[in-house]
Amino acid sequence: MSIKVLKPGLATSVQDAGREGHYHQGIPPSGALDQYALRAANLLVGNPATAALLECTLLGPQLEFQRDALVAVCGARMTPRLDGAEMPQDAVFRVRAGQVLGFDYIKAGARGYVAIDGGIDVPEVLGSRSTYGLGAIGGFHGRRLAAGDELPLGQPAAQDREGLALPRSLHIELGGEVTLRVVPGLYHHRLTARAAEQFFADTWTVGSEADRTGYRFKGGTPLEFEPREQPFGAGSDPSNIVDACYPIGSIQVPGGLEPIVLHRDAVSGGGYAMIGTVISPDLNLIAQMQPNQRARFVAITLEEGLAARRQYNQQLERLNRFFLA
């Protein structure tokens, strides 16, 4: 059985936890930009935490169900409506065959995650069902959803979780100014001392070009690089380097003007200097930032970054324990 896409929304795609292990071949991990919301929605409906679901960006889809299903919506505040009736978020509700699920405009956050019991049963590509649109692989025919698509559903587990809801302690707050923790490094030494200090002092805003490949930030002071004789192959702009690998979360500043934080669909290398890396737990925060939302970058040590990752993993463990209770 399947669900039929009546309206696709702005940028709805099939995503799971991603396809790790192929970045050295130029294939990024893809997967849900907000990995916490992915897990929360799946666990609510009884799926494995990393199962395939729908990631909806800024404007949700309209879906007609061909079978009865349990559904949970986590992430961005985008009220689900079943045949027009308001449904809860961060909780499980039942959809009957023939009913239509739609969504209100987003009130906070940028990406909602729609989990259906049994998961979205598209074929795996390199061990994942995630959509990588630039490479046209995975997901539903390697692309965003379009009107008329029919998405196959997996076999649901034999359990009734209708009404199950996440406690407030497991919710993630959205909106407002966001603090993004950065481990300086890579080519940070190429900045002048004044520029390195000013980058962390400024308040930046998300650009309208932000997408799954990278988030562009605007409004800060242009960055200056220490003068040097550019090596062969690096071009004339001081923000250029000889091609190097790009970590997910790394910050590049083409021309020294607007920082771009690379995300889960980013290419694996190129010729822009990377002045630091946003730590992995904070990539979930970036996923939920809307255009024009404000952010500050804060420098931390590698040890502080590892401690933040341990703290995030503890939050995931609390999420898992809730469903085992």
Protein backbone atom coordinates (compact mmCIF):
# COMPACT_ATOMS: atom_id res chain seq x y z
CA MET A 1 0.00 0.00 0.00
CA SER A 2 1.10 3.59 -0.49
CA ILE A 3 0.48 7.26 0.08
CA LYS A 4 -0.29 9.55 -2.85
CA VAL A 5 1.25 13.01 -3.05
CA LEU A 6 -1.51 15.51 -3.88
CA LYS A 7 0.71 18.56 -3.28
CA PRO A 8 4.46 18.18 -2.75
CA GLY A 9 5.13 21.22 -0.59
CA LEU A 10 8.21 23.34 -1.17
CA ALA A 11 10.99 20.74 -0.90
CA THR A 12 9.75 17.41 0.46
CA SER A 13 12.00 14.37 0.13
CA VAL A 14 12.51 10.87 1.52
CA GLN A 15 15.32 10.79 4.09
CA ASP A 16 16.68 8.40 6.69
CA ALA A 17 19.85 8.56 8.82
CA GLY A 18 22.02 8.82 5.69
CA ARG A 19 24.56 6.79 3.71
CA GLU A 20 27.84 6.97 5.58
CA GLY A 21 31.15 5.70 4.25
CA HIS A 22 31.12 7.05 0.67
CA TYR A 23 32.23 10.66 1.13
CA HIS A 24 35.74 9.83 -0.11
CA GLN A 25 34.08 8.82 -3.39
CA GLY A 26 32.30 12.18 -3.65
CA ILE A 27 28.94 10.90 -2.36
CA PRO A 28 27.82 12.87 0.72
CA PRO A 29 25.88 11.26 3.58
CA SER A 30 22.60 13.07 2.84
CA GLY A 31 19.91 11.93 5.31
CA ALA A 32 17.76 14.05 7.60
CA LEU A 33 19.31 17.45 8.34
CA ASP A 34 17.77 17.26 11.84
CA GLN A 35 18.81 13.82 13.01
CA TYR A 36 17.15 14.21 16.41
CA ALA A 37 13.72 14.92 14.91
CA LEU A 38 14.17 11.95 12.57
CA ARG A 39 14.70 9.62 15.49
CA ALA A 40 11.94 11.06 17.63
CA ALA A 41 9.31 10.77 14.89
CA ASN A 42 10.30 7.21 13.97
CA LEU A 43 10.40 5.93 17.53
CA LEU A 44 6.97 7.41 18.23
CA VAL A 45 5.31 5.26 15.53
CA GLY A 46 7.31 2.14 16.38
CA ASN A 47 9.81 2.27 13.51
CA PRO A 48 13.56 1.76 13.87
CA ALA A 49 15.05 5.13 14.80
CA THR A 50 16.80 5.48 11.43
CA ALA A 51 13.91 4.43 9.15
CA ALA A 52 12.97 6.40 6.04
CA LEU A 53 10.40 9.18 6.44
CA LEU A 54 9.50 12.50 4.82
CA GLU A 55 11.51 15.68 5.41
CA CYS A 56 9.41 18.79 4.67
CA THR A 57 11.00 22.22 4.23
CA LEU A 58 9.11 25.44 5.12
CA LEU A 59 5.87 24.31 3.41
CA GLY A 60 4.41 20.87 4.07
CA PRO A 61 2.88 18.46 1.53
CA GLN A 62 -0.68 17.18 1.13
CA LEU A 63 -0.84 13.38 1.29
CA GLU A 64 -3.66 10.91 0.62
CA PHE A 65 -3.30 7.61 2.48
CA GLN A 66 -4.12 4.31 0.78
CA ARG A 67 -4.03 2.30 4.04
CA ASP A 68 -4.64 2.89 7.73
CA ALA A 69 -1.49 4.21 9.39
CA LEU A 70 0.00 5.68 12.53
CA VAL A 71 1.73 9.02 11.95
CA ALA A 72 3.97 11.30 14.00
CA VAL A 73 5.27 14.75 13.04
CA CYS A 74 8.36 16.18 14.79
CA GLY A 75 10.73 19.06 14.17
CA ALA A 76 9.41 22.38 12.85
CA ARG A 77 6.14 23.70 14.28
CA MET A 78 3.83 22.91 11.35
CA THR A 79 0.42 21.82 12.69
CA PRO A 80 -0.79 18.64 10.96
CA ARG A 81 -4.40 18.66 9.73
CA LEU A 82 -6.26 15.46 8.93
CA ASP A 83 -9.18 16.18 6.60
CA GLY A 84 -8.89 19.72 8.00
CA ALA A 85 -8.97 18.72 11.68
CA GLU A 86 -5.98 19.76 13.80
CA MET A 87 -3.72 16.92 14.95
CA PRO A 88 -1.00 17.05 17.63
CA GLN A 89 2.74 17.29 16.99
CA ASP A 90 5.33 15.16 18.78
CA ALA A 91 2.56 12.60 19.28
CA VAL A 92 1.05 9.63 17.44
CA PHE A 93 -2.28 9.94 15.64
CA ARG A 94 -4.18 7.53 13.41
CA VAL A 95 -4.94 8.10 9.74
CA ARG A 96 -7.58 6.01 7.97
CA ALA A 97 -7.37 4.90 4.37
CA GLY A 98 -8.71 7.64 2.09
CA GLN A 99 -7.99 10.48 4.50
CA VAL A 100 -5.82 13.44 3.50
CA LEU A 101 -3.05 14.83 5.68
CA GLY A 102 -1.98 18.44 5.21
CA PHE A 103 -0.11 21.06 7.22
CA ASP A 104 -0.46 24.65 8.38
CA TYR A 105 2.26 27.17 7.57
CA ILE A 106 5.38 26.75 9.68
CA LYS A 107 5.39 28.82 12.87
CA ALA A 108 8.91 27.97 14.07
CA GLY A 109 11.78 25.94 12.68
CA ALA A 110 12.32 25.07 9.03
CA ARG A 111 11.98 21.30 8.62
CA GLY A 112 9.27 18.92 9.75
CA TYR A 113 9.64 15.13 9.81
CA VAL A 114 6.65 12.93 9.00
CA ALA A 115 7.06 9.31 10.14
CA ILE A 116 4.57 6.62 9.10
CA ASP A 117 4.48 3.18 10.72
CA GLY A 118 6.35 0.77 8.47
CA GLY A 119 8.45 3.56 6.98
CA ILE A 120 8.77 4.72 3.37
CA ASP A 121 9.70 1.56 1.47
CA VAL A 122 11.72 2.92 -1.46
CA PRO A 123 14.78 0.90 -2.59
CA GLU A 124 18.06 1.30 -0.75
CA VAL A 125 20.99 2.82 -2.64
CA LEU A 126 24.41 2.24 -1.06
CA GLY A 127 22.72 1.15 2.15
CA SER A 128 20.34 4.11 2.50
CA ARG A 129 16.95 5.30 1.28
CA SER A 130 17.94 8.96 1.60
CA THR A 131 17.53 11.34 -1.32
CA TYR A 132 20.68 12.94 -2.74
CA GLY A 133 19.14 15.32 -5.25
CA LEU A 134 22.35 16.64 -6.83
CA GLY A 135 23.41 13.08 -7.63
CA ALA A 136 19.86 11.90 -8.45
CA ILE A 137 20.19 8.82 -6.23
CA GLY A 138 18.13 7.34 -3.43
CA GLY A 139 14.73 8.43 -2.19
CA PHE A 140 11.89 8.46 -4.71
CA HIS A 141 13.60 8.40 -8.13
CA GLY A 142 16.46 10.48 -6.72
CA ARG A 143 14.47 13.70 -6.44
CA ARG A 144 12.10 15.80 -4.37
CA LEU A 145 8.49 14.69 -4.37
CA ALA A 146 6.08 15.86 -7.06
CA ALA A 147 2.27 15.84 -7.34
CA GLY A 148 1.03 12.39 -8.35
CA ASP A 149 3.90 10.43 -6.80
CA GLU A 150 2.85 7.27 -4.95
CA LEU A 151 5.20 6.29 -2.13
CA PRO A 152 5.28 2.62 -1.06
CA LEU A 153 4.94 1.93 2.64
CA GLY A 154 6.60 -0.85 4.62
CA GLN A 155 4.85 -3.37 6.83
CA PRO A 156 3.94 -1.77 10.18
CA ALA A 157 4.76 -3.43 13.48
CA ALA A 158 1.83 -5.04 15.27
CA GLN A 159 1.39 -2.42 17.98
CA ASP A 160 -1.01 0.38 18.79
CA ARG A 161 0.76 3.58 19.86
CA GLU A 162 -2.07 6.01 19.11
CA GLY A 163 -1.91 8.91 21.57
CA LEU A 164 1.69 8.30 22.65
CA ALA A 165 3.44 11.67 23.03
CA LEU A 166 6.95 12.91 23.77
CA PRO A 167 7.33 14.52 27.20
CA ARG A 168 8.33 18.18 27.24
CA SER A 169 11.79 17.23 28.52
CA LEU A 170 12.51 15.58 25.15
CA HIS A 171 11.31 18.51 23.01
CA ILE A 172 13.81 20.82 21.29
CA GLU A 173 13.07 24.55 21.48
CA LEU A 174 13.01 26.37 18.14
CA GLY A 175 13.25 29.99 17.05
CA GLY A 176 15.14 33.02 18.35
CA GLU A 177 18.82 33.73 17.97
CA VAL A 178 20.89 30.55 17.65
CA THR A 179 24.36 29.94 19.05
CA LEU A 180 26.52 27.73 16.86
CA ARG A 181 29.64 26.22 18.42
CA VAL A 182 32.72 26.14 16.19
CA VAL A 183 36.07 24.45 16.52
CA PRO A 184 38.48 26.87 14.76
CA GLY A 185 41.06 25.23 12.59
CA LEU A 186 41.90 23.98 9.14
CA TYR A 187 42.67 27.33 7.46
CA HIS A 188 41.73 29.61 10.37
CA HIS A 189 45.35 30.75 10.51
CA ARG A 190 44.88 32.42 7.12
CA LEU A 191 42.64 35.10 8.71
CA THR A 192 44.09 38.27 10.15
CA ALA A 193 43.88 38.44 13.94
CA ARG A 194 41.27 41.21 13.71
CA ALA A 195 39.12 39.26 11.24
CA ALA A 196 39.29 36.09 13.33
CA GLU A 197 38.09 38.02 16.38
CA GLN A 198 35.37 39.91 14.50
CA PHE A 199 33.90 36.75 12.95
CA PHE A 200 32.91 35.54 16.42
CA ALA A 201 31.86 39.01 17.62
CA ASP A 202 29.37 39.65 14.80
CA THR A 203 25.73 38.62 14.58
CA TRP A 204 24.86 36.92 11.29
CA THR A 205 21.56 36.16 9.56
CA VAL A 206 20.61 33.16 7.44
CA GLY A 207 20.49 33.89 3.72
CA SER A 208 17.59 32.92 1.49
CA GLU A 209 19.91 30.56 -0.43
CA ALA A 210 20.21 28.19 2.56
CA ASP A 211 19.52 24.59 1.56
CA ARG A 212 20.60 21.00 2.19
CA THR A 213 24.02 21.62 0.62
CA GLY A 214 24.94 24.57 2.81
CA TYR A 215 23.64 27.48 4.88
CA ARG A 216 24.84 30.93 3.83
CA PHE A 217 25.08 33.62 6.52
CA LYS A 218 25.00 37.36 5.86
CA GLY A 219 25.30 40.70 7.65
CA GLY A 220 28.68 40.35 9.31
CA THR A 221 31.96 42.13 8.66
CA PRO A 222 33.88 40.94 5.56
CA LEU A 223 36.87 38.81 6.55
CA GLU A 224 40.44 39.73 5.71
CA PHE A 225 43.10 37.13 4.99
CA GLU A 226 46.79 37.43 5.71
CA PRO A 227 48.62 38.42 2.51
CA ARG A 228 50.63 35.69 0.83
CA GLU A 229 51.82 34.62 -2.57
CA GLN A 230 49.08 32.27 -3.73
CA PRO A 231 50.35 28.77 -4.56
CA PHE A 232 49.90 27.38 -8.03
CA GLY A 233 46.33 26.18 -8.55
CA ALA A 234 44.80 28.35 -5.81
CA GLY A 235 43.72 31.29 -7.95
CA SER A 236 44.18 34.94 -7.10
CA ASP A 237 41.54 35.41 -4.36
CA PRO A 238 43.11 35.08 -0.89
CA SER A 239 40.14 33.00 0.30
CA ASN A 240 41.08 30.31 -2.24
CA ILE A 241 43.31 27.33 -1.52
CA VAL A 242 44.63 24.41 -3.51
CA ASP A 243 41.75 21.89 -3.49
CA ALA A 244 41.23 20.09 -0.17
CA CYS A 245 38.64 17.88 1.51
CA TYR A 246 35.56 19.47 3.12
CA PRO A 247 34.20 18.08 6.40
CA ILE A 248 30.45 18.29 6.94
CA GLY A 249 29.90 21.37 9.12
CA SER A 250 32.98 23.18 7.84
CA ILE A 251 32.75 26.93 7.27
CA GLN A 252 34.03 28.42 4.03
CA VAL A 253 33.97 32.14 3.23
CA PRO A 254 34.27 32.73 -0.54
CA GLY A 255 35.86 36.11 -1.12
CA GLY A 256 35.80 36.66 2.65
CA LEU A 257 32.22 37.93 2.40
CA GLU A 258 29.54 35.43 3.48
CA PRO A 259 30.24 32.29 5.54
CA ILE A 260 28.72 29.05 4.26
CA VAL A 261 28.27 26.12 6.65
CA LEU A 262 28.33 22.92 4.61
CA HIS A 263 25.58 20.43 5.45
CA ARG A 264 24.68 16.84 4.62
CA ASP A 265 24.39 17.20 0.81
CA ALA A 266 27.68 19.10 0.45
CA VAL A 267 30.38 18.21 -2.04
CA SER A 268 33.42 16.51 -0.53
CA GLY A 269 36.14 18.95 -1.56
CA GLY A 270 37.11 22.12 -3.38
CA GLY A 271 39.20 25.24 -3.34
CA TYR A 272 37.79 27.46 -0.58
CA ALA A 273 39.56 27.94 2.75
CA MET A 274 37.69 26.47 5.73
CA ILE A 275 38.09 28.55 8.87
CA GLY A 276 36.52 26.08 11.29
CA THR A 277 33.83 23.45 11.74
CA VAL A 278 30.41 23.65 13.41
CA ILE A 279 30.17 20.70 15.79
CA SER A 280 27.85 17.86 14.79
CA PRO A 281 25.14 18.38 17.48
CA ASP A 282 24.64 21.96 16.29
CA LEU A 283 24.00 20.89 12.70
CA ASN A 284 20.52 19.93 13.93
CA LEU A 285 20.05 23.56 15.02
CA ILE A 286 21.11 24.83 11.59
CA ALA A 287 18.57 22.49 9.96
CA GLN A 288 15.77 24.32 11.78
CA MET A 289 16.90 27.88 10.97
CA GLN A 290 14.71 29.98 8.70
CA PRO A 291 15.94 32.68 6.29
CA ASN A 292 16.74 35.93 8.14
CA GLN A 293 17.05 34.15 11.50
CA ARG A 294 19.97 35.43 13.57
CA ALA A 295 22.99 33.43 14.69
CA ARG A 296 26.25 33.87 16.57
CA PHE A 297 29.30 31.67 16.13
CA VAL A 298 31.15 30.77 19.34
CA ALA A 299 34.68 29.37 19.36
CA ILE A 300 35.23 26.26 21.47
CA THR A 301 38.10 23.81 21.93
CA LEU A 302 38.16 20.30 20.51
CA GLU A 303 37.75 18.95 24.05
CA GLU A 304 34.63 21.09 24.54
CA GLY A 305 33.29 19.84 21.21
CA LEU A 306 33.76 16.22 22.25
CA ALA A 307 32.03 16.95 25.56
CA ALA A 308 29.09 18.49 23.65
CA ARG A 309 28.86 15.34 21.52
CA ARG A 310 28.75 13.17 24.64
CA GLN A 311 25.97 15.37 26.02
CA TYR A 312 24.02 15.03 22.76
CA ASN A 313 24.46 11.25 22.82
CA GLN A 314 23.08 11.23 26.36
CA GLN A 315 20.01 13.09 25.08
CA LEU A 316 19.56 10.43 22.39
CA GLU A 317 19.85 7.75 25.06
CA ARG A 318 17.13 9.45 27.14
CA LEU A 319 14.97 9.48 24.00
CA ASN A 320 15.55 5.75 23.49
CA ARG A 321 14.85 4.93 27.14
CA PHE A 322 11.50 6.70 27.02
CA PHE A 323 10.27 4.17 24.46
CA LEU A 324 11.62 1.23 26.42
CA ALA A 325 9.83 2.21 29.62
